[in-house]
C-alpha atoms as a PDB file:
ATOM      1  CA  MET A   1      98.770 119.732 139.628  1.00  0.00           C
ATOM      2  CA  SER A   2      99.421 121.930 136.575  1.00  0.00           C
ATOM      3  CA  ASP A   3      98.448 125.619 136.646  1.00  0.00           C
ATOM      4  CA  HIS A   4      97.571 125.435 132.962  1.00  0.00           C
ATOM      5  CA  PRO A   5      94.175 124.169 131.840  1.00  0.00           C
ATOM      6  CA  ARG A   6      94.155 121.086 129.642  1.00  0.00           C
ATOM      7  CA  VAL A   7      94.007 121.965 125.953  1.00  0.00           C
ATOM      8  CA  THR A   8      90.661 120.909 124.544  1.00  0.00           C
ATOM      9  CA  LEU A   9      89.218 120.393 121.101  1.00  0.00           C
ATOM     10  CA  ALA A  10      86.983 123.419 121.619  1.00  0.00           C
ATOM     11  CA  MET A  11      89.982 125.659 122.393  1.00  0.00           C
ATOM     12  CA  ILE A  12      91.783 124.587 119.222  1.00  0.00           C
ATOM     13  CA  ALA A  13      88.629 125.047 117.137  1.00  0.00           C
ATOM     14  CA  ALA A  14      87.987 128.533 118.546  1.00  0.00           C
ATOM     15  CA  GLU A  15      91.530 129.709 117.859  1.00  0.00           C
ATOM     16  CA  ALA A  16      91.454 128.332 114.308  1.00  0.00           C
ATOM     17  CA  GLY A  17      87.976 129.702 113.606  1.00  0.00           C
ATOM     18  CA  VAL A  18      86.588 126.308 112.637  1.00  0.00           C
ATOM     19  CA  SER A  19      84.135 123.861 114.162  1.00  0.00           C
ATOM     20  CA  LYS A  20      85.040 121.128 116.639  1.00  0.00           C
ATOM     21  CA  ALA A  21      83.902 118.665 113.982  1.00  0.00           C
ATOM     22  CA  THR A  22      86.588 119.961 111.609  1.00  0.00           C
ATOM     23  CA  VAL A  23      89.304 119.528 114.236  1.00  0.00           C
ATOM     24  CA  SER A  24      87.981 116.042 114.939  1.00  0.00           C
ATOM     25  CA  LYS A  25      88.191 115.169 111.239  1.00  0.00           C
ATOM     26  CA  VAL A  26      91.864 116.183 111.158  1.00  0.00           C
ATOM     27  CA  LEU A  27      92.595 114.176 114.300  1.00  0.00           C
ATOM     28  CA  ASN A  28      90.940 111.118 112.783  1.00  0.00           C
ATOM     29  CA  GLY A  29      92.744 111.350 109.449  1.00  0.00           C
ATOM     30  CA  ARG A  30      89.669 112.252 107.426  1.00  0.00           C
ATOM     31  CA  THR A  31      90.426 113.587 103.952  1.00  0.00           C
ATOM     32  CA  ASP A  32      87.433 115.949 103.585  1.00  0.00           C
ATOM     33  CA  VAL A  33      89.331 118.939 105.018  1.00  0.00           C
ATOM     34  CA  SER A  34      91.243 121.399 102.833  1.00  0.00           C
ATOM     35  CA  ALA A  35      95.041 121.187 102.861  1.00  0.00           C
ATOM     36  CA  GLY A  36      95.353 124.734 104.211  1.00  0.00           C
ATOM     37  CA  THR A  37      92.957 124.148 107.110  1.00  0.00           C
ATOM     38  CA  ARG A  38      94.562 120.797 107.894  1.00  0.00           C
ATOM     39  CA  SER A  39      98.042 122.369 107.982  1.00  0.00           C
ATOM     40  CA  ARG A  40      96.863 125.229 110.216  1.00  0.00           C
ATOM     41  CA  LEU A  41      95.185 122.853 112.653  1.00  0.00           C
ATOM     42  CA  GLU A  42      98.214 120.541 112.789  1.00  0.00           C
ATOM     43  CA  ARG A  43     100.386 123.544 113.719  1.00  0.00           C
ATOM     44  CA  LEU A  44      97.995 124.556 116.479  1.00  0.00           C
ATOM     45  CA  LEU A  45      97.754 121.015 117.836  1.00  0.00           C
ATOM     46  CA  GLN A  46     101.540 120.837 117.969  1.00  0.00           C
ATOM     47  CA  THR A  47     102.027 124.339 119.378  1.00  0.00           C
ATOM     48  CA  HIS A  48      99.572 123.768 122.220  1.00  0.00           C
ATOM     49  CA  GLY A  49     100.746 120.222 122.867  1.00  0.00           C
ATOM     50  CA  TYR A  50      97.255 118.772 122.449  1.00  0.00           C
ATOM     51  CA  ARG A  51      96.950 115.194 123.666  1.00  0.00           C
ATOM     52  CA  ARG A  52      93.794 113.195 123.069  1.00  0.00           C
ATOM     53  CA  ARG A  53      92.609 111.074 125.973  1.00  0.00           C
ATOM     54  CA  PRO A  54      92.999 107.322 125.350  1.00  0.00           C
ATOM     55  CA  ALA A  55      89.930 105.773 123.759  1.00  0.00           C
ATOM     56  CA  ALA A  56      87.568 104.026 126.163  1.00  0.00           C
ATOM     57  CA  SER A  57      87.394 100.973 123.879  1.00  0.00           C
ATOM     58  CA  PRO A  58      90.655 100.916 121.895  1.00  0.00           C
ATOM     59  CA  SER A  59      91.087  98.736 118.838  1.00  0.00           C
ATOM     60  CA  ARG A  60      92.509  95.272 119.489  1.00  0.00           C
ATOM     61  CA  THR A  61      95.113  95.671 116.755  1.00  0.00           C
ATOM     62  CA  ILE A  62      98.793  96.612 116.647  1.00  0.00           C
ATOM     63  CA  GLU A  63      99.989  98.220 113.420  1.00  0.00           C
ATOM     64  CA  VAL A  64     103.492  97.364 112.218  1.00  0.00           C
ATOM     65  CA  VAL A  65     105.010  99.817 109.731  1.00  0.00           C
ATOM     66  CA  LEU A  66     108.122  98.877 107.767  1.00  0.00           C
ATOM     67  CA  SER A  67     109.791  99.717 104.477  1.00  0.00           C
ATOM     68  CA  ASP A  68     110.554  96.248 103.142  1.00  0.00           C
ATOM     69  CA  LEU A  69     109.211  92.735 103.640  1.00  0.00           C
ATOM     70  CA  ASP A  70     112.078  91.171 101.689  1.00  0.00           C
ATOM     71  CA  ALA A  71     114.765  91.743 104.313  1.00  0.00           C
ATOM     72  CA  GLY A  72     115.330  88.534 106.255  1.00  0.00           C
ATOM     73  CA  TRP A  73     115.624  90.313 109.583  1.00  0.00           C
ATOM     74  CA  SER A  74     112.219  92.007 109.218  1.00  0.00           C
ATOM     75  CA  LEU A  75     110.393  88.665 109.191  1.00  0.00           C
ATOM     76  CA  GLU A  76     112.149  87.661 112.411  1.00  0.00           C
ATOM     77  CA  VAL A  77     111.056  90.894 114.110  1.00  0.00           C
ATOM     78  CA  ILE A  78     107.475  90.486 112.852  1.00  0.00           C
ATOM     79  CA  GLY A  79     107.388  86.965 114.283  1.00  0.00           C
ATOM     80  CA  GLY A  80     108.256  88.322 117.733  1.00  0.00           C
ATOM     81  CA  ILE A  81     105.626  91.041 117.413  1.00  0.00           C
ATOM     82  CA  GLU A  82     102.878  88.648 116.305  1.00  0.00           C
ATOM     83  CA  ARG A  83     103.496  86.071 119.031  1.00  0.00           C
ATOM     84  CA  THR A  84     103.470  88.698 121.778  1.00  0.00           C
ATOM     85  CA  ALA A  85     100.416  90.520 120.384  1.00  0.00           C
ATOM     86  CA  HIS A  86      98.378  87.350 119.907  1.00  0.00           C
ATOM     87  CA  LYS A  87      99.182  86.192 123.430  1.00  0.00           C
ATOM     88  CA  ALA A  88      97.664  89.451 124.670  1.00  0.00           C
ATOM     89  CA  GLY A  89      94.571  89.063 122.460  1.00  0.00           C
ATOM     90  CA  PHE A  90      95.629  91.525 119.744  1.00  0.00           C
ATOM     91  CA  SER A  91      95.903  91.062 115.995  1.00  0.00           C
ATOM     92  CA  VAL A  92      98.631  92.586 113.811  1.00  0.00           C
ATOM     93  CA  ILE A  93      98.299  94.805 110.725  1.00  0.00           C
ATOM     94  CA  LEU A  94     101.277  95.245 108.365  1.00  0.00           C
ATOM     95  CA  THR A  95     101.857  98.487 106.448  1.00  0.00           C
ATOM     96  CA  VAL A  96     104.728  98.868 103.963  1.00  0.00           C
ATOM     97  CA  SER A  97     105.781 102.493 103.522  1.00  0.00           C
ATOM     98  CA  GLY A  98     108.789 104.742 102.969  1.00  0.00           C
ATOM     99  CA  ASP A  99     112.454 103.760 102.951  1.00  0.00           C
ATOM    100  CA  ARG A 100     114.854 102.416 105.571  1.00  0.00           C
ATOM    101  CA  HIS A 101     115.132 105.833 107.245  1.00  0.00           C
ATOM    102  CA  ALA A 102     111.479 106.681 107.866  1.00  0.00           C
ATOM    103  CA  PRO A 103     107.937 105.932 106.665  1.00  0.00           C
ATOM    104  CA  ALA A 104     106.345 108.121 104.000  1.00  0.00           C
ATOM    105  CA  ASP A 105     103.859 110.737 105.180  1.00  0.00           C
ATOM    106  CA  GLY A 106     100.828 108.960 103.713  1.00  0.00           C
ATOM    107  CA  TRP A 107     100.820 105.944 106.058  1.00  0.00           C
ATOM    108  CA  LEU A 108      99.748 108.057 109.022  1.00  0.00           C
ATOM    109  CA  ASP A 109      96.404 109.137 107.559  1.00  0.00           C
ATOM    110  CA  GLY A 110      95.500 105.493 107.018  1.00  0.00           C
ATOM    111  CA  ALA A 111      96.580 104.585 110.542  1.00  0.00           C
ATOM    112  CA  LEU A 112      94.397 107.339 111.999  1.00  0.00           C
ATOM    113  CA  LEU A 113      91.393 105.886 110.195  1.00  0.00           C
ATOM    114  CA  ARG A 114      92.204 102.354 111.363  1.00  0.00           C
ATOM    115  CA  ARG A 115      92.832 103.534 114.957  1.00  0.00           C
ATOM    116  CA  PRO A 116      95.146 100.727 116.140  1.00  0.00           C
ATOM    117  CA  ALA A 117      95.861 100.477 119.859  1.00  0.00           C
ATOM    118  CA  GLY A 118      99.505 101.246 119.087  1.00  0.00           C
ATOM    119  CA  VAL A 119     102.165 101.283 116.385  1.00  0.00           C
ATOM    120  CA  VAL A 120     105.500  99.466 116.087  1.00  0.00           C
ATOM    121  CA  LEU A 121     107.782 101.083 113.501  1.00  0.00           C
ATOM    122  CA  MET A 122     110.790  99.320 111.980  1.00  0.00           C
ATOM    123  CA  PHE A 123     112.841 102.323 110.887  1.00  0.00           C
ATOM    124  CA  ALA A 124     115.972 104.233 111.846  1.00  0.00           C
ATOM    125  CA  ASP A 125     113.822 107.087 113.171  1.00  0.00           C
ATOM    126  CA  LEU A 126     110.465 108.828 112.873  1.00  0.00           C
ATOM    127  CA  PRO A 127     110.133 112.424 111.595  1.00  0.00           C
ATOM    128  CA  ARG A 128     109.239 114.942 114.307  1.00  0.00           C
ATOM    129  CA  GLU A 129     105.979 115.926 112.582  1.00  0.00           C
ATOM    130  CA  GLN A 130     104.799 112.299 112.542  1.00  0.00           C
ATOM    131  CA  ARG A 131     105.784 111.827 116.183  1.00  0.00           C
ATOM    132  CA  GLU A 132     103.761 114.867 117.193  1.00  0.00           C
ATOM    133  CA  LYS A 133     100.730 113.722 115.211  1.00  0.00           C
ATOM    134  CA  LEU A 134     100.764 110.338 116.914  1.00  0.00           C
ATOM    135  CA  ARG A 135     101.141 111.923 120.347  1.00  0.00           C
ATOM    136  CA  ALA A 136      98.320 114.387 119.671  1.00  0.00           C
ATOM    137  CA  ARG A 137      96.040 111.458 118.804  1.00  0.00           C
ATOM    138  CA  GLY A 138      97.007 109.537 121.926  1.00  0.00           C
ATOM    139  CA  MET A 139      98.398 106.714 119.787  1.00  0.00           C
ATOM    140  CA  PRO A 140     101.426 105.047 121.445  1.00  0.00           C
ATOM    141  CA  PHE A 141     104.382 104.051 119.266  1.00  0.00           C
ATOM    142  CA  VAL A 142     107.764 102.355 119.581  1.00  0.00           C
ATOM    143  CA  ILE A 143     110.627 102.070 117.108  1.00  0.00           C
ATOM    144  CA  VAL A 144     112.416  98.772 116.571  1.00  0.00           C
ATOM    145  CA  ALA A 145     115.778 100.070 115.474  1.00  0.00           C
ATOM    146  CA  PRO A 146     118.272  97.440 114.402  1.00  0.00           C
ATOM    147  CA  SER A 147     119.494  99.913 111.796  1.00  0.00           C
ATOM    148  CA  GLY A 148     119.545 103.282 113.517  1.00  0.00           C
ATOM    149  CA  ASP A 149     119.700 105.481 116.566  1.00  0.00           C
ATOM    150  CA  PRO A 150     116.323 107.197 117.054  1.00  0.00           C
ATOM    151  CA  SER A 151     115.921 110.747 118.311  1.00  0.00           C
ATOM    152  CA  PRO A 152     116.076 111.390 122.070  1.00  0.00           C
ATOM    153  CA  GLY A 153     112.730 110.941 123.768  1.00  0.00           C
ATOM    154  CA  VAL A 154     111.508 108.288 121.326  1.00  0.00           C
ATOM    155  CA  PRO A 155     110.839 104.854 122.874  1.00  0.00           C
ATOM    156  CA  SER A 156     112.972 102.350 120.969  1.00  0.00           C
ATOM    157  CA  VAL A 157     114.428  98.854 121.085  1.00  0.00           C
ATOM    158  CA  GLY A 158     117.754  98.017 119.452  1.00  0.00           C
ATOM    159  CA  SER A 159     120.791  95.813 119.913  1.00  0.00           C
ATOM    160  CA  ALA A 160     124.492  96.225 120.696  1.00  0.00           C
ATOM    161  CA  ASN A 161     125.853  96.573 117.153  1.00  0.00           C
ATOM    162  CA  ARG A 162     129.349  97.672 118.152  1.00  0.00           C
ATOM    163  CA  ASP A 163     129.774  94.861 120.680  1.00  0.00           C
ATOM    164  CA  GLY A 164     128.582  92.285 118.175  1.00  0.00           C
ATOM    165  CA  ALA A 165     131.018  93.463 115.500  1.00  0.00           C
ATOM    166  CA  PHE A 166     133.855  93.527 118.033  1.00  0.00           C
ATOM    167  CA  ALA A 167     133.139  89.899 118.992  1.00  0.00           C
ATOM    168  CA  ALA A 168     132.986  88.825 115.328  1.00  0.00           C
ATOM    169  CA  THR A 169     136.312  90.459 114.477  1.00  0.00           C
ATOM    170  CA  ARG A 170     138.027  89.234 117.637  1.00  0.00           C
ATOM    171  CA  HIS A 171     136.912  85.680 116.767  1.00  0.00           C
ATOM    172  CA  LEU A 172     138.687  85.941 113.414  1.00  0.00           C
ATOM    173  CA  ILE A 173     141.799  87.382 115.071  1.00  0.00           C
ATOM    174  CA  GLU A 174     141.860  84.528 117.586  1.00  0.00           C
ATOM    175  CA  LEU A 175     141.776  82.100 114.645  1.00  0.00           C
ATOM    176  CA  GLY A 176     145.054  83.642 113.493  1.00  0.00           C
ATOM    177  CA  HIS A 177     143.753  85.920 110.752  1.00  0.00           C
ATOM    178  CA  ARG A 178     145.599  89.194 110.247  1.00  0.00           C
ATOM    179  CA  ARG A 179     144.273  90.452 106.916  1.00  0.00           C
ATOM    180  CA  ILE A 180     140.606  90.915 107.809  1.00  0.00           C
ATOM    181  CA  ALA A 181     138.264  92.951 105.612  1.00  0.00           C
ATOM    182  CA  ALA A 182     134.943  94.465 106.647  1.00  0.00           C
ATOM    183  CA  ILE A 183     131.965  94.970 104.358  1.00  0.00           C
ATOM    184  CA  THR A 184     129.454  96.957 106.377  1.00  0.00           C
ATOM    185  CA  GLY A 185     126.122  98.490 105.307  1.00  0.00           C
ATOM    186  CA  PRO A 186     125.220 101.888 103.798  1.00  0.00           C
ATOM    187  CA  ARG A 187     127.146 104.927 105.038  1.00  0.00           C
ATOM    188  CA  ASP A 188     123.976 106.701 106.173  1.00  0.00           C
ATOM    189  CA  MET A 189     122.836 103.981 108.596  1.00  0.00           C
ATOM    190  CA  MET A 190     123.904 104.154 112.234  1.00  0.00           C
ATOM    191  CA  CYS A 191     124.238 100.390 112.576  1.00  0.00           C
ATOM    192  CA  SER A 192     126.672 100.334 109.629  1.00  0.00           C
ATOM    193  CA  ILE A 193     128.895 102.826 111.428  1.00  0.00           C
ATOM    194  CA  ALA A 194     128.543 101.053 114.785  1.00  0.00           C
ATOM    195  CA  ARG A 195     129.511  97.682 113.275  1.00  0.00           C
ATOM    196  CA  LEU A 196     132.466  99.271 111.529  1.00  0.00           C
ATOM    197  CA  GLU A 197     133.561 100.860 114.807  1.00  0.00           C
ATOM    198  CA  GLY A 198     133.417  97.453 116.522  1.00  0.00           C
ATOM    199  CA  TYR A 199     135.606  95.986 113.768  1.00  0.00           C
ATOM    200  CA  ARG A 200     138.129  98.818 114.041  1.00  0.00           C
ATOM    201  CA  GLU A 201     138.255  98.563 117.833  1.00  0.00           C
ATOM    202  CA  ALA A 202     138.976  94.844 117.706  1.00  0.00           C
ATOM    203  CA  MET A 203     141.716  95.346 115.128  1.00  0.00           C
ATOM    204  CA  ALA A 204     143.239  98.175 117.171  1.00  0.00           C
ATOM    205  CA  ALA A 205     143.103  96.114 120.363  1.00  0.00           C
ATOM    206  CA  ALA A 206     145.131  93.414 118.593  1.00  0.00           C
ATOM    207  CA  ARG A 207     147.472  96.054 117.140  1.00  0.00           C
ATOM    208  CA  LEU A 208     146.623  94.997 113.629  1.00  0.00           C
ATOM    209  CA  PRO A 209     146.705  97.494 110.746  1.00  0.00           C
ATOM    210  CA  VAL A 210     143.557  98.231 108.745  1.00  0.00           C
ATOM    211  CA  ASP A 211     144.158  98.823 105.060  1.00  0.00           C
ATOM    212  CA  PRO A 212     141.604 101.461 103.959  1.00  0.00           C
ATOM    213  CA  GLU A 213     140.905  99.285 100.912  1.00  0.00           C
ATOM    214  CA  TRP A 214     139.720  96.482 103.194  1.00  0.00           C
ATOM    215  CA  VAL A 215     136.835  98.612 104.507  1.00  0.00           C
ATOM    216  CA  ARG A 216     133.792  98.708 102.230  1.00  0.00           C
ATOM    217  CA  PHE A 217     130.275 100.146 102.516  1.00  0.00           C
ATOM    218  CA  GLY A 218     127.726  97.781 101.010  1.00  0.00           C
ATOM    219  CA  THR A 219     123.959  97.491 100.879  1.00  0.00           C
ATOM    220  CA  PHE A 220     123.312  94.714 103.447  1.00  0.00           C
ATOM    221  CA  LEU A 221     122.141  92.655 100.445  1.00  0.00           C
ATOM    222  CA  PRO A 222     123.869  89.729  98.671  1.00  0.00           C
ATOM    223  CA  ALA A 223     124.754  91.704  95.535  1.00  0.00           C
ATOM    224  CA  GLY A 224     126.681  94.311  97.526  1.00  0.00           C
ATOM    225  CA  GLY A 225     128.614  91.642  99.378  1.00  0.00           C
ATOM    226  CA  GLU A 226     129.490  89.831  96.163  1.00  0.00           C
ATOM    227  CA  VAL A 227     130.671  92.933  94.290  1.00  0.00           C
ATOM    228  CA  HIS A 228     132.968  94.095  97.087  1.00  0.00           C
ATOM    229  CA  ALA A 229     134.254  90.590  97.808  1.00  0.00           C
ATOM    230  CA  ARG A 230     135.202  90.060  94.157  1.00  0.00           C
ATOM    231  CA  GLU A 231     137.286  93.256  94.283  1.00  0.00           C
ATOM    232  CA  LEU A 232     138.902  92.314  97.591  1.00  0.00           C
ATOM    233  CA  LEU A 233     139.708  88.760  96.531  1.00  0.00           C
ATOM    234  CA  ALA A 234     141.307  89.971  93.278  1.00  0.00           C
ATOM    235  CA  ARG A 235     144.012  91.816  95.244  1.00  0.00           C
ATOM    236  CA  ARG A 236     147.506  90.335  95.541  1.00  0.00           C
ATOM    237  CA  ASP A 237     147.300  90.863  99.320  1.00  0.00           C
ATOM    238  CA  ARG A 238     143.751  89.549  99.495  1.00  0.00           C
ATOM    239  CA  PRO A 239     142.164  89.213 102.940  1.00  0.00           C
ATOM    240  CA  THR A 240     142.036  85.767 104.508  1.00  0.00           C
ATOM    241  CA  ALA A 241     138.811  86.649 106.349  1.00  0.00           C
ATOM    242  CA  VAL A 242     135.803  88.914 105.827  1.00  0.00           C
ATOM    243  CA  PHE A 243     133.453  90.314 108.436  1.00  0.00           C
ATOM    244  CA  ALA A 244     130.196  90.976 106.595  1.00  0.00           C
ATOM    245  CA  GLY A 245     127.760  93.442 108.159  1.00  0.00           C
ATOM    246  CA  SER A 246     124.768  91.188 107.469  1.00  0.00           C
ATOM    247  CA  ASP A 247     124.089  87.530 106.749  1.00  0.00           C
ATOM    248  CA  LEU A 248     122.789  88.411 103.291  1.00  0.00           C
ATOM    249  CA  GLN A 249     126.040  90.208 102.482  1.00  0.00           C
ATOM    250  CA  ALA A 250     127.946  87.186 103.797  1.00  0.00           C
ATOM    251  CA  LEU A 251     126.008  85.047 101.309  1.00  0.00           C
ATOM    252  CA  GLY A 252     127.295  87.332  98.531  1.00  0.00           C
ATOM    253  CA  VAL A 253     130.865  87.039  99.876  1.00  0.00           C
ATOM    254  CA  ILE A 254     130.670  83.230  99.813  1.00  0.00           C
ATOM    255  CA  ALA A 255     129.314  83.348  96.247  1.00  0.00           C
ATOM    256  CA  ALA A 256     132.249  85.562  95.188  1.00  0.00           C
ATOM    257  CA  ALA A 257     134.752  83.256  96.874  1.00  0.00           C
ATOM    258  CA  THR A 258     133.275  80.219  95.116  1.00  0.00           C
ATOM    259  CA  ALA A 259     133.371  81.985  91.740  1.00  0.00           C
ATOM    260  CA  THR A 260     137.012  82.881  92.371  1.00  0.00           C
ATOM    261  CA  GLY A 261     137.898  79.277  93.119  1.00  0.00           C
ATOM    262  CA  LEU A 262     138.342  79.773  96.863  1.00  0.00           C
ATOM    263  CA  ALA A 263     136.838  77.432  99.440  1.00  0.00           C
ATOM    264  CA  VAL A 264     135.096  78.665 102.589  1.00  0.00           C
ATOM    265  CA  PRO A 265     136.447  78.358 105.247  1.00  0.00           C
ATOM    266  CA  THR A 266     139.696  76.670 104.047  1.00  0.00           C
ATOM    267  CA  ASP A 267     140.819  79.626 101.914  1.00  0.00           C
ATOM    268  CA  LEU A 268     138.561  82.354 103.282  1.00  0.00           C
ATOM    269  CA  SER A 269     136.754  82.680 106.613  1.00  0.00           C
ATOM    270  CA  VAL A 270     133.467  84.568 106.611  1.00  0.00           C
ATOM    271  CA  VAL A 271     131.441  85.923 109.538  1.00  0.00           C
ATOM    272  CA  GLY A 272     128.014  87.505 109.088  1.00  0.00           C
ATOM    273  CA  TYR A 273     125.615  89.473 111.249  1.00  0.00           C
ATOM    274  CA  ASP A 274     121.936  88.977 112.250  1.00  0.00           C
ATOM    275  CA  ASP A 275     121.650  85.168 112.492  1.00  0.00           C
ATOM    276  CA  ILE A 276     118.614  84.983 110.231  1.00  0.00           C
ATOM    277  CA  ALA A 277     117.177  81.517 109.529  1.00  0.00           C
ATOM    278  CA  LEU A 278     119.004  81.355 106.194  1.00  0.00           C
ATOM    279  CA  SER A 279     122.393  81.396 107.972  1.00  0.00           C
ATOM    280  CA  ARG A 280     121.769  77.845 109.182  1.00  0.00           C
ATOM    281  CA  TRP A 281     120.948  76.635 105.649  1.00  0.00           C
ATOM    282  CA  MET A 282     124.022  78.028 103.920  1.00  0.00           C
ATOM    283  CA  SER A 283     126.849  75.693 102.969  1.00  0.00           C
ATOM    284  CA  PRO A 284     128.881  75.864 105.074  1.00  0.00           C
ATOM    285  CA  GLN A 285     126.636  77.053 107.887  1.00  0.00           C
ATOM    286  CA  LEU A 286     127.416  80.665 108.680  1.00  0.00           C
ATOM    287  CA  THR A 287     129.344  81.886 111.694  1.00  0.00           C
ATOM    288  CA  THR A 288     127.451  85.033 112.606  1.00  0.00           C
ATOM    289  CA  VAL A 289     126.418  87.501 115.277  1.00  0.00           C
ATOM    290  CA  HIS A 290     123.022  86.666 116.710  1.00  0.00           C
ATOM    291  CA  GLN A 291     120.929  89.809 116.830  1.00  0.00           C
ATOM    292  CA  PRO A 292     117.867  89.064 119.030  1.00  0.00           C
ATOM    293  CA  LEU A 293     115.410  90.174 116.348  1.00  0.00           C
ATOM    294  CA  ALA A 294     112.355  88.256 117.575  1.00  0.00           C
ATOM    295  CA  ARG A 295     113.018  89.405 121.133  1.00  0.00           C
ATOM    296  CA  MET A 296     113.330  92.993 119.920  1.00  0.00           C
ATOM    297  CA  GLY A 297     109.905  92.734 118.288  1.00  0.00           C
ATOM    298  CA  ALA A 298     108.433  91.159 121.414  1.00  0.00           C
ATOM    299  CA  GLU A 299     109.899  93.840 123.697  1.00  0.00           C
ATOM    300  CA  ALA A 300     108.606  96.654 121.459  1.00  0.00           C
ATOM    301  CA  THR A 301     105.127  95.097 121.464  1.00  0.00           C
ATOM    302  CA  ARG A 302     105.096  94.838 125.255  1.00  0.00           C
ATOM    303  CA  ILE A 303     105.993  98.532 125.486  1.00  0.00           C
ATOM    304  CA  VAL A 304     103.200  99.526 123.079  1.00  0.00           C
ATOM    305  CA  LEU A 305     100.644  97.440 124.966  1.00  0.00           C
ATOM    306  CA  HIS A 306     101.796  98.975 128.267  1.00  0.00           C
ATOM    307  CA  LEU A 307     101.362 102.486 126.826  1.00  0.00           C
ATOM    308  CA  ALA A 308      97.972 101.590 125.312  1.00  0.00           C
ATOM    309  CA  GLU A 309      96.778 100.621 128.777  1.00  0.00           C
ATOM    310  CA  GLY A 310      97.731 104.042 130.126  1.00  0.00           C
ATOM    311  CA  GLY A 311     101.250 103.202 131.274  1.00  0.00           C
ATOM    312  CA  VAL A 312     103.945 105.869 131.516  1.00  0.00           C
ATOM    313  CA  ALA A 313     106.281 106.103 128.522  1.00  0.00           C
ATOM    314  CA  ASP A 314     109.936 105.214 129.036  1.00  0.00           C
ATOM    315  CA  SER A 315     111.864 107.168 126.415  1.00  0.00           C
ATOM    316  CA  ARG A 316     115.140 105.370 127.027  1.00  0.00           C
ATOM    317  CA  ARG A 317     116.615 103.245 124.253  1.00  0.00           C
ATOM    318  CA  ILE A 318     116.524  99.590 125.254  1.00  0.00           C
ATOM    319  CA  GLU A 319     119.641  97.877 123.895  1.00  0.00           C
ATOM    320  CA  LEU A 320     119.621  94.087 123.896  1.00  0.00           C
ATOM    321  CA  PRO A 321     122.897  92.120 123.807  1.00  0.00           C
ATOM    322  CA  ALA A 322     124.254  90.515 120.645  1.00  0.00           C
ATOM    323  CA  ARG A 323     126.310  87.310 120.752  1.00  0.00           C
ATOM    324  CA  LEU A 324     128.607  85.393 118.442  1.00  0.00           C
ATOM    325  CA  VAL A 325     127.433  82.033 117.054  1.00  0.00           C
ATOM    326  CA  VAL A 326     130.322  79.953 115.703  1.00  0.00           C
ATOM    327  CA  ARG A 327     129.491  77.586 112.857  1.00  0.00           C
ATOM    328  CA  GLY A 328     131.308  76.256 109.806  1.00  0.00           C
ATOM    329  CA  SER A 329     132.240  79.350 107.758  1.00  0.00           C
ATOM    330  CA  SER A 330     135.191  80.376 109.947  1.00  0.00           C
ATOM    331  CA  ALA A 331     138.378  78.391 110.513  1.00  0.00           C
ATOM    332  CA  PRO A 332     142.020  78.966 111.559  1.00  0.00           C
ATOM    333  CA  ALA A 333     144.101  80.933 109.107  1.00  0.00           C
ATOM    334  CA  ALA A 334     146.320  78.865 106.835  1.00  0.00           C
ATOM    335  CA  ALA A 335     149.912  78.705 108.038  1.00  0.00           C
END
């Protein structure tokens, strides 16, 4: 048993020289508190490690916060979240906020007013101030991180990006390709670096050189894949295969190959990453790395529901395996 008394609302109010009602307003995201008082109370709540007791009758909703609904992978994750939440008798609220790195500050005030049972965040990480606010309110959260490596101590679910990229590149090598290019995602995303590392490791294991010009940082979107592929395919020593860091980028690579007069996979093999639904509707169907997006969403939801019921938080990063799915966009290198 701790020697220190539990920090209470009354203790915070007394130290700040305000009423308990004012502290309660800040905890609940109310806007009728001055910015100065709110900032002072947030500092005290964080300094003293205040933790609100779980609500006796928590909301039957899970809030999902993400930066973009257009990304194909996000819809797959949401599907896993919704199915798991509904099975447990919970509904799902979607909030679009911020960029791929973290949500904007404003979403949290709205969440505090809505009081969901827990929050699933689809970002690379969550700013420390937002983490502390959620913890102070007793609101459990988990990050689904296909694109990042969250801070230590933050519950998260991701996948084995490096292993997936290694398998994709090794597949192309086993088909006889030697000039293999990689178009990964943005430089500031951990998954982009991890997928690039997997590519480099596979090339090194086969003792194949990597021309620096063959390595490109894209956007994970079709336009980025197309722009870089056009440049690569215009070279005299053009690659015979491309590992694209996402299925959407692979779509751009195939478009560039077609515009250049090259056939996939006869003239150019292409492997993507994610295995979104669109990959099975491309022509040819896309060889890709299956990232268990729906399972990641389901696992994150189970963690949030466990925490909402008073379970102990497991701050370890859960990393689910990725696997290669061979379809029609990859073929043996031409003799």
